[in-house]
Amino acid sequence: MSREKWSRDEAIVAFNLYCKLSFKVKESHPEVIDLAKLIGRTPGAVKRKILNFLSLDTKLQAGGVLGFEHIAKIDSQIWDEFNENRAKLADESERLLRRFKKGK
């Protein structure tokens, strides 16, 4: 089910889920499972992607919550593009989710 590289679209919908769940993410969380099925990933892969975004979250890091040390370039790009514009993220993510549901 899992592929190696994440697409930009997959990373965007995962970042949107990160914004909802933050560091409280678990593989067994229903939204993680649903997103994994929708984009053809495992729940573990979705959890790891969300933890990648945690690595970029300076607000949580200041509170002692840490993510992974090494993250994908696409994660930094998505963070930079959408972190300060969550409305844009929500709109883009919803559009992509509809497309994933239609089967791309």
N, C-alpha and C. Protein backbone atom coordinates (compact mmCIF):
# COMPACT_ATOMS: atom_id res chain seq x y z
N MET A 1 0.82 -1.19 0.00
CA MET A 1 0.00 0.00 0.00
C MET A 1 0.87 1.26 0.00
N SER A 2 1.98 1.25 0.69
CA SER A 2 2.81 2.44 0.83
C SER A 2 3.75 2.63 -0.34
N ARG A 3 3.97 3.89 -0.70
CA ARG A 3 4.93 4.24 -1.74
C ARG A 3 6.06 4.98 -1.06
N GLU A 4 7.16 5.17 -1.78
CA GLU A 4 8.31 5.84 -1.18
C GLU A 4 8.08 7.33 -1.00
N LYS A 5 7.99 8.07 -2.09
CA LYS A 5 7.89 9.53 -1.99
C LYS A 5 6.44 9.98 -1.87
N TRP A 6 6.27 11.00 -1.04
CA TRP A 6 4.95 11.61 -0.89
C TRP A 6 4.78 12.68 -1.96
N SER A 7 3.60 12.75 -2.52
CA SER A 7 3.31 13.81 -3.48
C SER A 7 2.99 15.09 -2.70
N ARG A 8 3.05 16.19 -3.40
CA ARG A 8 2.69 17.48 -2.81
C ARG A 8 1.25 17.43 -2.28
N ASP A 9 0.35 16.88 -3.07
CA ASP A 9 -1.06 16.81 -2.67
C ASP A 9 -1.25 15.98 -1.41
N GLU A 10 -0.56 14.85 -1.33
CA GLU A 10 -0.64 14.01 -0.13
C GLU A 10 -0.11 14.76 1.09
N ALA A 11 0.99 15.48 0.91
CA ALA A 11 1.59 16.23 2.01
C ALA A 11 0.66 17.35 2.48
N ILE A 12 -0.04 17.98 1.56
CA ILE A 12 -0.96 19.05 1.94
C ILE A 12 -2.10 18.51 2.80
N VAL A 13 -2.70 17.40 2.40
CA VAL A 13 -3.81 16.87 3.20
C VAL A 13 -3.31 16.33 4.54
N ALA A 14 -2.08 15.83 4.56
CA ALA A 14 -1.50 15.38 5.84
C ALA A 14 -1.22 16.57 6.75
N PHE A 15 -0.75 17.68 6.19
CA PHE A 15 -0.50 18.87 7.00
C PHE A 15 -1.81 19.41 7.57
N ASN A 16 -2.86 19.37 6.79
CA ASN A 16 -4.15 19.81 7.29
C ASN A 16 -4.59 18.93 8.47
N LEU A 17 -4.35 17.64 8.37
CA LEU A 17 -4.67 16.76 9.48
C LEU A 17 -3.77 17.05 10.68
N TYR A 18 -2.51 17.35 10.44
CA TYR A 18 -1.62 17.77 11.53
C TYR A 18 -2.20 18.97 12.27
N CYS A 19 -2.72 19.92 11.52
CA CYS A 19 -3.28 21.13 12.13
C CYS A 19 -4.47 20.80 13.03
N LYS A 20 -5.16 19.73 12.73
CA LYS A 20 -6.30 19.31 13.54
C LYS A 20 -5.87 18.48 14.75
N LEU A 21 -4.87 17.60 14.55
CA LEU A 21 -4.50 16.64 15.59
C LEU A 21 -3.24 16.99 16.34
N SER A 22 -2.33 17.73 15.70
CA SER A 22 -1.04 18.10 16.28
C SER A 22 -0.27 16.86 16.73
N PHE A 23 0.35 16.93 17.89
CA PHE A 23 1.21 15.84 18.32
C PHE A 23 0.44 14.72 19.00
N LYS A 24 -0.85 14.84 19.10
CA LYS A 24 -1.68 13.82 19.75
C LYS A 24 -2.04 12.68 18.80
N VAL A 25 -1.39 12.63 17.67
CA VAL A 25 -1.71 11.67 16.62
C VAL A 25 -1.32 10.25 17.02
N LYS A 26 -2.19 9.32 16.65
CA LYS A 26 -1.94 7.89 16.85
C LYS A 26 -2.36 7.16 15.57
N GLU A 27 -1.69 6.07 15.29
CA GLU A 27 -2.04 5.27 14.10
C GLU A 27 -3.47 4.79 14.16
N SER A 28 -3.99 4.62 15.34
CA SER A 28 -5.35 4.10 15.50
C SER A 28 -6.42 5.19 15.46
N HIS A 29 -6.02 6.45 15.32
CA HIS A 29 -6.99 7.54 15.26
C HIS A 29 -7.83 7.38 13.99
N PRO A 30 -9.14 7.47 14.09
CA PRO A 30 -10.00 7.26 12.91
C PRO A 30 -9.67 8.17 11.73
N GLU A 31 -9.31 9.43 11.99
CA GLU A 31 -8.99 10.33 10.88
C GLU A 31 -7.67 9.95 10.21
N VAL A 32 -6.74 9.42 10.97
CA VAL A 32 -5.47 8.94 10.40
C VAL A 32 -5.74 7.73 9.51
N ILE A 33 -6.54 6.81 10.00
CA ILE A 33 -6.90 5.61 9.23
C ILE A 33 -7.63 5.99 7.95
N ASP A 34 -8.60 6.91 8.06
CA ASP A 34 -9.37 7.33 6.88
C ASP A 34 -8.49 7.99 5.83
N LEU A 35 -7.59 8.89 6.27
CA LEU A 35 -6.71 9.55 5.32
C LEU A 35 -5.76 8.54 4.67
N ALA A 36 -5.24 7.63 5.46
CA ALA A 36 -4.34 6.61 4.93
C ALA A 36 -5.02 5.81 3.81
N LYS A 37 -6.24 5.37 4.04
CA LYS A 37 -6.97 4.62 3.03
C LYS A 37 -7.20 5.47 1.79
N LEU A 38 -7.56 6.71 2.01
CA LEU A 38 -7.89 7.60 0.90
C LEU A 38 -6.70 7.87 -0.02
N ILE A 39 -5.52 8.02 0.56
CA ILE A 39 -4.35 8.35 -0.26
C ILE A 39 -3.45 7.16 -0.54
N GLY A 40 -3.85 5.97 -0.09
CA GLY A 40 -3.09 4.76 -0.40
C GLY A 40 -1.83 4.61 0.43
N ARG A 41 -1.90 5.01 1.66
CA ARG A 41 -0.77 4.92 2.60
C ARG A 41 -1.19 4.09 3.81
N THR A 42 -0.23 3.72 4.61
CA THR A 42 -0.55 3.04 5.86
C THR A 42 -0.79 4.09 6.94
N PRO A 43 -1.55 3.74 7.98
CA PRO A 43 -1.71 4.68 9.09
C PRO A 43 -0.38 5.08 9.72
N GLY A 44 0.57 4.16 9.76
CA GLY A 44 1.90 4.48 10.30
C GLY A 44 2.61 5.52 9.46
N ALA A 45 2.47 5.44 8.14
CA ALA A 45 3.09 6.42 7.25
C ALA A 45 2.46 7.80 7.45
N VAL A 46 1.16 7.85 7.62
CA VAL A 46 0.48 9.12 7.86
C VAL A 46 0.93 9.71 9.20
N LYS A 47 1.03 8.86 10.20
CA LYS A 47 1.49 9.34 11.52
C LYS A 47 2.90 9.92 11.41
N ARG A 48 3.78 9.23 10.72
CA ARG A 48 5.16 9.73 10.56
C ARG A 48 5.19 11.06 9.81
N LYS A 49 4.36 11.19 8.79
CA LYS A 49 4.31 12.45 8.04
C LYS A 49 3.84 13.58 8.96
N ILE A 50 2.85 13.32 9.78
CA ILE A 50 2.36 14.33 10.72
C ILE A 50 3.46 14.70 11.72
N LEU A 51 4.22 13.72 12.17
CA LEU A 51 5.32 14.02 13.08
C LEU A 51 6.43 14.80 12.40
N ASN A 52 6.55 14.66 11.08
CA ASN A 52 7.50 15.50 10.35
C ASN A 52 7.10 16.97 10.49
N PHE A 53 5.82 17.25 10.37
CA PHE A 53 5.36 18.63 10.51
C PHE A 53 5.57 19.13 11.94
N LEU A 54 5.45 18.26 12.89
CA LEU A 54 5.73 18.62 14.28
C LEU A 54 7.16 19.13 14.43
N SER A 55 8.08 18.57 13.67
CA SER A 55 9.48 18.98 13.71
C SER A 55 9.67 20.43 13.30
N LEU A 56 8.72 20.97 12.57
CA LEU A 56 8.82 22.35 12.08
C LEU A 56 8.05 23.34 12.96
N ASP A 57 7.32 22.84 13.92
CA ASP A 57 6.45 23.68 14.74
C ASP A 57 7.21 24.25 15.94
N THR A 58 7.70 25.47 15.78
CA THR A 58 8.51 26.10 16.83
C THR A 58 7.72 26.37 18.10
N LYS A 59 6.42 26.57 17.98
CA LYS A 59 5.59 26.81 19.18
C LYS A 59 5.57 25.57 20.08
N LEU A 60 5.40 24.41 19.48
CA LEU A 60 5.40 23.17 20.27
C LEU A 60 6.79 22.83 20.76
N GLN A 61 7.79 23.08 19.93
CA GLN A 61 9.17 22.82 20.34
C GLN A 61 9.54 23.64 21.57
N ALA A 62 9.05 24.88 21.62
CA ALA A 62 9.32 25.75 22.78
C ALA A 62 8.73 25.15 24.06
N GLY A 63 7.68 24.36 23.90
CA GLY A 63 7.07 23.69 25.04
C GLY A 63 7.66 22.32 25.33
N GLY A 64 8.71 21.96 24.61
CA GLY A 64 9.38 20.69 24.86
C GLY A 64 8.91 19.52 24.02
N VAL A 65 7.99 19.76 23.10
CA VAL A 65 7.49 18.70 22.24
C VAL A 65 8.35 18.68 20.97
N LEU A 66 8.96 17.53 20.70
CA LEU A 66 9.87 17.42 19.56
C LEU A 66 9.37 16.39 18.55
N GLY A 67 9.69 16.61 17.30
CA GLY A 67 9.37 15.67 16.24
C GLY A 67 10.62 14.97 15.77
N PHE A 68 10.64 14.60 14.51
CA PHE A 68 11.80 13.92 13.93
C PHE A 68 12.90 14.92 13.58
N GLU A 69 14.13 14.43 13.54
CA GLU A 69 15.26 15.29 13.18
C GLU A 69 15.37 15.48 11.67
N HIS A 70 15.11 14.47 10.90
CA HIS A 70 15.28 14.53 9.45
C HIS A 70 13.91 14.46 8.80
N ILE A 71 13.60 15.47 8.02
CA ILE A 71 12.30 15.51 7.36
C ILE A 71 12.49 15.73 5.86
N ALA A 72 11.45 15.44 5.12
CA ALA A 72 11.50 15.60 3.67
C ALA A 72 11.41 17.08 3.29
N LYS A 73 12.05 17.41 2.17
CA LYS A 73 12.04 18.79 1.67
C LYS A 73 10.60 19.26 1.42
N ILE A 74 9.76 18.37 0.91
CA ILE A 74 8.37 18.75 0.62
C ILE A 74 7.65 19.21 1.88
N ASP A 75 8.00 18.63 3.03
CA ASP A 75 7.34 19.01 4.28
C ASP A 75 7.67 20.45 4.65
N SER A 76 8.93 20.83 4.49
CA SER A 76 9.34 22.22 4.75
C SER A 76 8.65 23.18 3.80
N GLN A 77 8.54 22.77 2.54
CA GLN A 77 7.89 23.63 1.55
C GLN A 77 6.41 23.83 1.87
N ILE A 78 5.74 22.76 2.24
CA ILE A 78 4.32 22.85 2.59
C ILE A 78 4.15 23.70 3.84
N TRP A 79 5.01 23.49 4.82
CA TRP A 79 4.95 24.29 6.06
C TRP A 79 5.10 25.77 5.74
N ASP A 80 6.12 26.09 4.94
CA ASP A 80 6.38 27.50 4.60
C ASP A 80 5.22 28.13 3.84
N GLU A 81 4.60 27.35 2.97
CA GLU A 81 3.51 27.89 2.15
C GLU A 81 2.21 28.08 2.93
N PHE A 82 1.91 27.16 3.85
CA PHE A 82 0.58 27.16 4.45
C PHE A 82 0.53 27.48 5.95
N ASN A 83 1.64 27.43 6.65
CA ASN A 83 1.57 27.60 8.11
C ASN A 83 0.96 28.93 8.52
N GLU A 84 1.28 29.98 7.81
CA GLU A 84 0.74 31.31 8.15
C GLU A 84 -0.58 31.61 7.45
N ASN A 85 -1.07 30.67 6.68
CA ASN A 85 -2.33 30.88 5.97
C ASN A 85 -3.17 29.61 6.04
N ARG A 86 -3.72 29.37 7.22
CA ARG A 86 -4.49 28.14 7.44
C ARG A 86 -5.79 28.12 6.64
N ALA A 87 -6.34 29.28 6.32
CA ALA A 87 -7.56 29.31 5.49
C ALA A 87 -7.25 28.77 4.09
N LYS A 88 -6.13 29.19 3.55
CA LYS A 88 -5.70 28.69 2.24
C LYS A 88 -5.45 27.19 2.32
N LEU A 89 -4.84 26.74 3.40
CA LEU A 89 -4.59 25.31 3.59
C LEU A 89 -5.91 24.53 3.63
N ALA A 90 -6.86 25.03 4.39
CA ALA A 90 -8.15 24.34 4.50
C ALA A 90 -8.83 24.24 3.13
N ASP A 91 -8.85 25.34 2.39
CA ASP A 91 -9.47 25.33 1.06
C ASP A 91 -8.78 24.34 0.13
N GLU A 92 -7.46 24.41 0.09
CA GLU A 92 -6.69 23.52 -0.80
C GLU A 92 -6.85 22.06 -0.38
N SER A 93 -6.80 21.82 0.91
CA SER A 93 -6.94 20.45 1.41
C SER A 93 -8.32 19.87 1.08
N GLU A 94 -9.36 20.65 1.27
CA GLU A 94 -10.71 20.17 0.96
C GLU A 94 -10.86 19.86 -0.53
N ARG A 95 -10.29 20.71 -1.37
CA ARG A 95 -10.32 20.46 -2.81
C ARG A 95 -9.60 19.15 -3.15
N LEU A 96 -8.44 18.95 -2.54
CA LEU A 96 -7.67 17.74 -2.80
C LEU A 96 -8.37 16.50 -2.26
N LEU A 97 -8.98 16.61 -1.09
CA LEU A 97 -9.70 15.46 -0.52
C LEU A 97 -10.86 15.04 -1.43
N ARG A 98 -11.56 16.02 -1.98
CA ARG A 98 -12.64 15.69 -2.93
C ARG A 98 -12.08 14.95 -4.15
N ARG A 99 -10.92 15.42 -4.62
CA ARG A 99 -10.29 14.76 -5.77
C ARG A 99 -9.84 13.34 -5.42
N PHE A 100 -9.24 13.16 -4.24
CA PHE A 100 -8.85 11.81 -3.84
C PHE A 100 -10.05 10.89 -3.74
N LYS A 101 -11.16 11.41 -3.24
CA LYS A 101 -12.37 10.60 -3.08
C LYS A 101 -12.94 10.17 -4.43
N LYS A 102 -12.73 11.01 -5.44
CA LYS A 102 -13.20 10.68 -6.80
C LYS A 102 -12.26 9.71 -7.50
N GLY A 103 -11.11 9.45 -6.88
CA GLY A 103 -10.16 8.51 -7.48
C GLY A 103 -9.12 9.17 -8.34
N LYS A 104 -8.82 10.44 -8.03
CA LYS A 104 -7.81 11.24 -8.73
C LYS A 104 -8.28 11.47 -10.11
